[in-house]
């Protein structure tokens, strides 16, 4: 997860800004996976930061489609 977060920061994936009045923050979480070869040997580890898209509000952003993976 540290490597993934460092890569996102290095690529300037986002900017920190002030939250507009009356708005709330959309949550997120890391999804982790262990990649293995066919014989079961560990090939590597994968971590992705994803946004929880279930917080959309009807009439505001419900019809919008956003990429939910950073």
PDB file of N, CA and C in Angstrom:
ATOM      1  N   UNK A   1       0.825  -1.194   0.000  1.00  0.00           N
ATOM      2  CA  UNK A   1       0.000   0.000   0.000  1.00  0.00           C
ATOM      3  C   UNK A   1       0.869   1.257   0.000  1.00  0.00           C
ATOM      4  N   UNK A   2       1.993   1.178   0.699  1.00  0.00           N
ATOM      5  CA  UNK A   2       2.878   2.331   0.738  1.00  0.00           C
ATOM      6  C   UNK A   2       3.387   2.675  -0.662  1.00  0.00           C
ATOM      7  N   UNK A   3       3.785   1.645  -1.434  1.00  0.00           N
ATOM      8  CA  UNK A   3       4.271   1.875  -2.792  1.00  0.00           C
ATOM      9  C   UNK A   3       3.185   2.476  -3.678  1.00  0.00           C
ATOM     10  N   UNK A   4       1.966   1.974  -3.559  1.00  0.00           N
ATOM     11  CA  UNK A   4       0.848   2.492  -4.356  1.00  0.00           C
ATOM     12  C   UNK A   4       0.583   3.957  -4.003  1.00  0.00           C
ATOM     13  N   UNK A   5       0.561   4.281  -2.720  1.00  0.00           N
ATOM     14  CA  UNK A   5       0.316   5.654  -2.292  1.00  0.00           C
ATOM     15  C   UNK A   5       1.436   6.585  -2.749  1.00  0.00           C
ATOM     16  N   UNK A   6       2.680   6.117  -2.671  1.00  0.00           N
ATOM     17  CA  UNK A   6       3.803   6.924  -3.143  1.00  0.00           C
ATOM     18  C   UNK A   6       3.709   7.186  -4.643  1.00  0.00           C
ATOM     19  N   UNK A   7       3.298   6.177  -5.416  1.00  0.00           N
ATOM     20  CA  UNK A   7       3.147   6.343  -6.865  1.00  0.00           C
ATOM     21  C   UNK A   7       2.058   7.361  -7.182  1.00  0.00           C
ATOM     22  N   UNK A   8       0.953   7.327  -6.437  1.00  0.00           N
ATOM     23  CA  UNK A   8      -0.138   8.281  -6.653  1.00  0.00           C
ATOM     24  C   UNK A   8       0.313   9.704  -6.320  1.00  0.00           C
ATOM     25  N   UNK A   9       1.051   9.854  -5.235  1.00  0.00           N
ATOM     26  CA  UNK A   9       1.543  11.173  -4.850  1.00  0.00           C
ATOM     27  C   UNK A   9       2.564  11.696  -5.856  1.00  0.00           C
ATOM     28  N   UNK A  10       3.456  10.829  -6.320  1.00  0.00           N
ATOM     29  CA  UNK A  10       4.480  11.227  -7.280  1.00  0.00           C
ATOM     30  C   UNK A  10       3.868  11.664  -8.613  1.00  0.00           C
ATOM     31  N   UNK A  11       2.765  11.008  -9.007  1.00  0.00           N
ATOM     32  CA  UNK A  11       2.098  11.328 -10.278  1.00  0.00           C
ATOM     33  C   UNK A  11       1.157  12.525 -10.155  1.00  0.00           C
ATOM     34  N   UNK A  12       1.072  13.104  -8.957  1.00  0.00           N
ATOM     35  CA  UNK A  12       0.162  14.235  -8.706  1.00  0.00           C
ATOM     36  C   UNK A  12      -1.258  13.891  -9.164  1.00  0.00           C
ATOM     37  N   UNK A  13      -1.739  12.730  -8.703  1.00  0.00           N
ATOM     38  CA  UNK A  13      -3.049  12.212  -9.093  1.00  0.00           C
ATOM     39  C   UNK A  13      -4.180  13.106  -8.616  1.00  0.00           C
ATOM     40  N   UNK A  14      -3.992  13.786  -7.503  1.00  0.00           N
ATOM     41  CA  UNK A  14      -5.037  14.649  -6.979  1.00  0.00           C
ATOM     42  C   UNK A  14      -4.424  15.878  -6.326  1.00  0.00           C
ATOM     43  N   UNK A  15      -5.271  16.850  -6.070  1.00  0.00           N
ATOM     44  CA  UNK A  15      -4.887  18.051  -5.337  1.00  0.00           C
ATOM     45  C   UNK A  15      -5.751  18.148  -4.099  1.00  0.00           C
ATOM     46  N   UNK A  16      -5.156  18.532  -2.994  1.00  0.00           N
ATOM     47  CA  UNK A  16      -5.930  18.759  -1.787  1.00  0.00           C
ATOM     48  C   UNK A  16      -6.562  20.146  -1.866  1.00  0.00           C
ATOM     49  N   UNK A  17      -7.873  20.206  -1.699  1.00  0.00           N
ATOM     50  CA  UNK A  17      -8.595  21.469  -1.758  1.00  0.00           C
ATOM     51  C   UNK A  17      -9.544  21.545  -0.569  1.00  0.00           C
ATOM     52  N   UNK A  18     -10.040  22.744  -0.286  1.00  0.00           N
ATOM     53  CA  UNK A  18     -11.023  22.911   0.781  1.00  0.00           C
ATOM     54  C   UNK A  18     -12.359  22.330   0.339  1.00  0.00           C
ATOM     55  N   UNK A  19     -13.058  21.710   1.261  1.00  0.00           N
ATOM     56  CA  UNK A  19     -14.365  21.130   0.980  1.00  0.00           C
ATOM     57  C   UNK A  19     -15.405  22.240   0.884  1.00  0.00           C
ATOM     58  N   UNK A  20     -16.199  22.275  -0.197  1.00  0.00           N
ATOM     59  CA  UNK A  20     -17.236  23.305  -0.320  1.00  0.00           C
ATOM     60  C   UNK A  20     -18.256  23.197   0.817  1.00  0.00           C
ATOM     61  N   UNK A  21     -18.844  24.306   1.238  1.00  0.00           N
ATOM     62  CA  UNK A  21     -19.839  24.273   2.308  1.00  0.00           C
ATOM     63  C   UNK A  21     -21.027  23.377   1.931  1.00  0.00           C
ATOM     64  N   UNK A  22     -21.479  22.592   2.875  1.00  0.00           N
ATOM     65  CA  UNK A  22     -22.641  21.731   2.660  1.00  0.00           C
ATOM     66  C   UNK A  22     -22.341  20.428   1.947  1.00  0.00           C
ATOM     67  N   UNK A  23     -21.094  20.139   1.634  1.00  0.00           N
ATOM     68  CA  UNK A  23     -20.720  18.906   0.940  1.00  0.00           C
ATOM     69  C   UNK A  23     -20.020  17.962   1.902  1.00  0.00           C
ATOM     70  N   UNK A  24     -20.073  16.674   1.599  1.00  0.00           N
ATOM     71  CA  UNK A  24     -19.398  15.685   2.438  1.00  0.00           C
ATOM     72  C   UNK A  24     -18.350  14.952   1.615  1.00  0.00           C
ATOM     73  N   UNK A  25     -17.451  14.317   2.295  1.00  0.00           N
ATOM     74  CA  UNK A  25     -16.348  13.606   1.660  1.00  0.00           C
ATOM     75  C   UNK A  25     -16.807  12.199   1.296  1.00  0.00           C
ATOM     76  N   UNK A  26     -16.443  11.754   0.101  1.00  0.00           N
ATOM     77  CA  UNK A  26     -16.713  10.376  -0.308  1.00  0.00           C
ATOM     78  C   UNK A  26     -15.614   9.500   0.255  1.00  0.00           C
ATOM     79  N   UNK A  27     -15.994   8.389   0.837  1.00  0.00           N
ATOM     80  CA  UNK A  27     -15.017   7.498   1.460  1.00  0.00           C
ATOM     81  C   UNK A  27     -14.246   6.683   0.442  1.00  0.00           C
ATOM     82  N   UNK A  28     -13.217   6.042   0.891  1.00  0.00           N
ATOM     83  CA  UNK A  28     -12.410   5.184   0.046  1.00  0.00           C
ATOM     84  C   UNK A  28     -11.761   4.101   0.882  1.00  0.00           C
ATOM     85  N   UNK A  29     -11.190   3.127   0.186  1.00  0.00           N
ATOM     86  CA  UNK A  29     -10.479   2.067   0.897  1.00  0.00           C
ATOM     87  C   UNK A  29      -9.465   1.432  -0.036  1.00  0.00           C
ATOM     88  N   UNK A  30      -8.506   0.730   0.553  1.00  0.00           N
ATOM     89  CA  UNK A  30      -7.539  -0.026  -0.219  1.00  0.00           C
ATOM     90  C   UNK A  30      -8.082  -1.439  -0.427  1.00  0.00           C
ATOM     91  N   UNK A  31      -7.976  -1.930  -1.657  1.00  0.00           N
ATOM     92  CA  UNK A  31      -8.315  -3.312  -1.975  1.00  0.00           C
ATOM     93  C   UNK A  31      -6.995  -4.018  -2.241  1.00  0.00           C
ATOM     94  N   UNK A  32      -6.731  -5.069  -1.482  1.00  0.00           N
ATOM     95  CA  UNK A  32      -5.452  -5.771  -1.575  1.00  0.00           C
ATOM     96  C   UNK A  32      -5.650  -7.174  -2.133  1.00  0.00           C
ATOM     97  N   UNK A  33      -4.688  -7.617  -2.932  1.00  0.00           N
ATOM     98  CA  UNK A  33      -4.772  -8.937  -3.546  1.00  0.00           C
ATOM     99  C   UNK A  33      -3.372  -9.541  -3.620  1.00  0.00           C
ATOM    100  N   UNK A  34      -3.280 -10.838  -3.386  1.00  0.00           N
ATOM    101  CA  UNK A  34      -2.026 -11.564  -3.543  1.00  0.00           C
ATOM    102  C   UNK A  34      -2.097 -12.276  -4.887  1.00  0.00           C
ATOM    103  N   UNK A  35      -1.173 -11.950  -5.784  1.00  0.00           N
ATOM    104  CA  UNK A  35      -1.138 -12.581  -7.101  1.00  0.00           C
ATOM    105  C   UNK A  35      -0.249 -13.814  -7.011  1.00  0.00           C
ATOM    106  N   UNK A  36      -0.737 -14.932  -7.562  1.00  0.00           N
ATOM    107  CA  UNK A  36       0.009 -16.180  -7.497  1.00  0.00           C
ATOM    108  C   UNK A  36       0.173 -16.789  -8.887  1.00  0.00           C
ATOM    109  N   UNK A  37       1.218 -17.603  -9.026  1.00  0.00           N
ATOM    110  CA  UNK A  37       1.419 -18.386 -10.237  1.00  0.00           C
ATOM    111  C   UNK A  37       0.460 -19.580 -10.199  1.00  0.00           C
ATOM    112  N   UNK A  38       0.366 -20.316 -11.292  1.00  0.00           N
ATOM    113  CA  UNK A  38      -0.523 -21.480 -11.364  1.00  0.00           C
ATOM    114  C   UNK A  38      -0.170 -22.536 -10.317  1.00  0.00           C
ATOM    115  N   UNK A  39       1.098 -22.608  -9.934  1.00  0.00           N
ATOM    116  CA  UNK A  39       1.507 -23.614  -8.942  1.00  0.00           C
ATOM    117  C   UNK A  39       1.297 -23.146  -7.502  1.00  0.00           C
ATOM    118  N   UNK A  40       0.743 -21.957  -7.313  1.00  0.00           N
ATOM    119  CA  UNK A  40       0.459 -21.444  -5.979  1.00  0.00           C
ATOM    120  C   UNK A  40       1.555 -20.572  -5.391  1.00  0.00           C
ATOM    121  N   UNK A  41       2.682 -20.461  -6.083  1.00  0.00           N
ATOM    122  CA  UNK A  41       3.787 -19.621  -5.617  1.00  0.00           C
ATOM    123  C   UNK A  41       3.398 -18.143  -5.734  1.00  0.00           C
ATOM    124  N   UNK A  42       3.741 -17.369  -4.715  1.00  0.00           N
ATOM    125  CA  UNK A  42       3.397 -15.945  -4.697  1.00  0.00           C
ATOM    126  C   UNK A  42       4.183 -15.213  -5.782  1.00  0.00           C
ATOM    127  N   UNK A  43       3.457 -14.531  -6.668  1.00  0.00           N
ATOM    128  CA  UNK A  43       4.067 -13.743  -7.741  1.00  0.00           C
ATOM    129  C   UNK A  43       4.291 -12.301  -7.304  1.00  0.00           C
ATOM    130  N   UNK A  44       3.349 -11.769  -6.538  1.00  0.00           N
ATOM    131  CA  UNK A  44       3.466 -10.399  -6.079  1.00  0.00           C
ATOM    132  C   UNK A  44       2.221  -9.970  -5.334  1.00  0.00           C
ATOM    133  N   UNK A  45       2.230  -8.732  -4.906  1.00  0.00           N
ATOM    134  CA  UNK A  45       1.118  -8.176  -4.150  1.00  0.00           C
ATOM    135  C   UNK A  45       0.579  -6.969  -4.904  1.00  0.00           C
ATOM    136  N   UNK A  46      -0.723  -6.755  -4.823  1.00  0.00           N
ATOM    137  CA  UNK A  46      -1.352  -5.659  -5.543  1.00  0.00           C
ATOM    138  C   UNK A  46      -2.266  -4.910  -4.577  1.00  0.00           C
ATOM    139  N   UNK A  47      -2.187  -3.591  -4.591  1.00  0.00           N
ATOM    140  CA  UNK A  47      -3.058  -2.761  -3.757  1.00  0.00           C
ATOM    141  C   UNK A  47      -3.581  -1.625  -4.608  1.00  0.00           C
ATOM    142  N   UNK A  48      -4.879  -1.371  -4.543  1.00  0.00           N
ATOM    143  CA  UNK A  48      -5.497  -0.278  -5.288  1.00  0.00           C
ATOM    144  C   UNK A  48      -6.368   0.537  -4.343  1.00  0.00           C
ATOM    145  N   UNK A  49      -6.297   1.846  -4.503  1.00  0.00           N
ATOM    146  CA  UNK A  49      -7.142   2.748  -3.726  1.00  0.00           C
ATOM    147  C   UNK A  49      -8.417   2.986  -4.518  1.00  0.00           C
ATOM    148  N   UNK A  50      -9.563   2.629  -3.950  1.00  0.00           N
ATOM    149  CA  UNK A  50     -10.837   2.785  -4.644  1.00  0.00           C
ATOM    150  C   UNK A  50     -11.756   3.703  -3.846  1.00  0.00           C
ATOM    151  N   UNK A  51     -12.609   4.419  -4.560  1.00  0.00           N
ATOM    152  CA  UNK A  51     -13.592   5.310  -3.954  1.00  0.00           C
ATOM    153  C   UNK A  51     -14.894   4.545  -3.798  1.00  0.00           C
ATOM    154  N   UNK A  52     -15.549   4.728  -2.678  1.00  0.00           N
ATOM    155  CA  UNK A  52     -16.835   4.067  -2.453  1.00  0.00           C
ATOM    156  C   UNK A  52     -17.910   4.850  -3.202  1.00  0.00           C
ATOM    157  N   UNK A  53     -18.382   4.305  -4.311  1.00  0.00           N
ATOM    158  CA  UNK A  53     -19.320   5.011  -5.178  1.00  0.00           C
ATOM    159  C   UNK A  53     -20.761   4.943  -4.730  1.00  0.00           C
ATOM    160  N   UNK A  54     -21.040   4.306  -3.617  1.00  0.00           N
ATOM    161  CA  UNK A  54     -22.433   4.177  -3.163  1.00  0.00           C
ATOM    162  C   UNK A  54     -22.944   5.438  -2.476  1.00  0.00           C
ATOM    163  N   UNK A  55     -22.131   6.482  -2.415  1.00  0.00           N
ATOM    164  CA  UNK A  55     -22.525   7.709  -1.730  1.00  0.00           C
ATOM    165  C   UNK A  55     -23.093   8.760  -2.668  1.00  0.00           C
ATOM    166  N   UNK A  56     -23.482   8.354  -3.883  1.00  0.00           N
ATOM    167  CA  UNK A  56     -24.019   9.314  -4.834  1.00  0.00           C
ATOM    168  C   UNK A  56     -25.409   9.765  -4.390  1.00  0.00           C
ATOM    169  N   UNK A  57     -25.770  10.975  -4.796  1.00  0.00           N
ATOM    170  CA  UNK A  57     -27.028  11.576  -4.382  1.00  0.00           C
ATOM    171  C   UNK A  57     -27.917  11.810  -5.600  1.00  0.00           C
ATOM    172  N   UNK A  58     -29.144  11.261  -5.566  1.00  0.00           N
ATOM    173  CA  UNK A  58     -30.061  11.391  -6.690  1.00  0.00           C
ATOM    174  C   UNK A  58     -30.359  12.868  -6.954  1.00  0.00           C
ATOM    175  N   UNK A  59     -30.260  13.260  -8.224  1.00  0.00           N
ATOM    176  CA  UNK A  59     -30.507  14.635  -8.605  1.00  0.00           C
ATOM    177  C   UNK A  59     -29.274  15.526  -8.552  1.00  0.00           C
ATOM    178  N   UNK A  60     -28.184  15.032  -7.964  1.00  0.00           N
ATOM    179  CA  UNK A  60     -26.955  15.818  -7.872  1.00  0.00           C
ATOM    180  C   UNK A  60     -25.882  15.190  -8.765  1.00  0.00           C
ATOM    181  N   UNK A  61     -25.483  13.967  -8.437  1.00  0.00           N
ATOM    182  CA  UNK A  61     -24.445  13.294  -9.217  1.00  0.00           C
ATOM    183  C   UNK A  61     -24.796  11.839  -9.518  1.00  0.00           C
ATOM    184  N   UNK A  62     -26.053  11.485  -9.389  1.00  0.00           N
ATOM    185  CA  UNK A  62     -26.497  10.102  -9.538  1.00  0.00           C
ATOM    186  C   UNK A  62     -26.304   9.589 -10.960  1.00  0.00           C
ATOM    187  N   UNK A  63     -26.520  10.433 -11.950  1.00  0.00           N
ATOM    188  CA  UNK A  63     -26.409  10.040 -13.359  1.00  0.00           C
ATOM    189  C   UNK A  63     -24.960  10.136 -13.868  1.00  0.00           C
ATOM    190  N   UNK A  64     -24.069  10.704 -13.074  1.00  0.00           N
ATOM    191  CA  UNK A  64     -22.679  10.901 -13.485  1.00  0.00           C
ATOM    192  C   UNK A  64     -21.899   9.588 -13.367  1.00  0.00           C
ATOM    193  N   UNK A  65     -20.940   9.413 -14.241  1.00  0.00           N
ATOM    194  CA  UNK A  65     -20.045   8.261 -14.183  1.00  0.00           C
ATOM    195  C   UNK A  65     -18.632   8.786 -13.962  1.00  0.00           C
ATOM    196  N   UNK A  66     -18.003   8.349 -12.894  1.00  0.00           N
ATOM    197  CA  UNK A  66     -16.656   8.772 -12.558  1.00  0.00           C
ATOM    198  C   UNK A  66     -15.770   7.535 -12.438  1.00  0.00           C
ATOM    199  N   UNK A  67     -14.505   7.636 -12.815  1.00  0.00           N
ATOM    200  CA  UNK A  67     -13.605   6.526 -12.551  1.00  0.00           C
ATOM    201  C   UNK A  67     -13.381   6.433 -11.046  1.00  0.00           C
ATOM    202  N   UNK A  68     -13.663   5.265 -10.483  1.00  0.00           N
ATOM    203  CA  UNK A  68     -13.625   5.120  -9.024  1.00  0.00           C
ATOM    204  C   UNK A  68     -12.321   4.546  -8.496  1.00  0.00           C
ATOM    205  N   UNK A  69     -11.341   4.347  -9.376  1.00  0.00           N
ATOM    206  CA  UNK A  69     -10.053   3.814  -8.940  1.00  0.00           C
ATOM    207  C   UNK A  69      -8.975   4.842  -9.222  1.00  0.00           C
ATOM    208  N   UNK A  70      -8.187   5.134  -8.225  1.00  0.00           N
ATOM    209  CA  UNK A  70      -7.063   6.059  -8.420  1.00  0.00           C
ATOM    210  C   UNK A  70      -5.850   5.276  -8.848  1.00  0.00           C
TER     211      UNK A  70
END
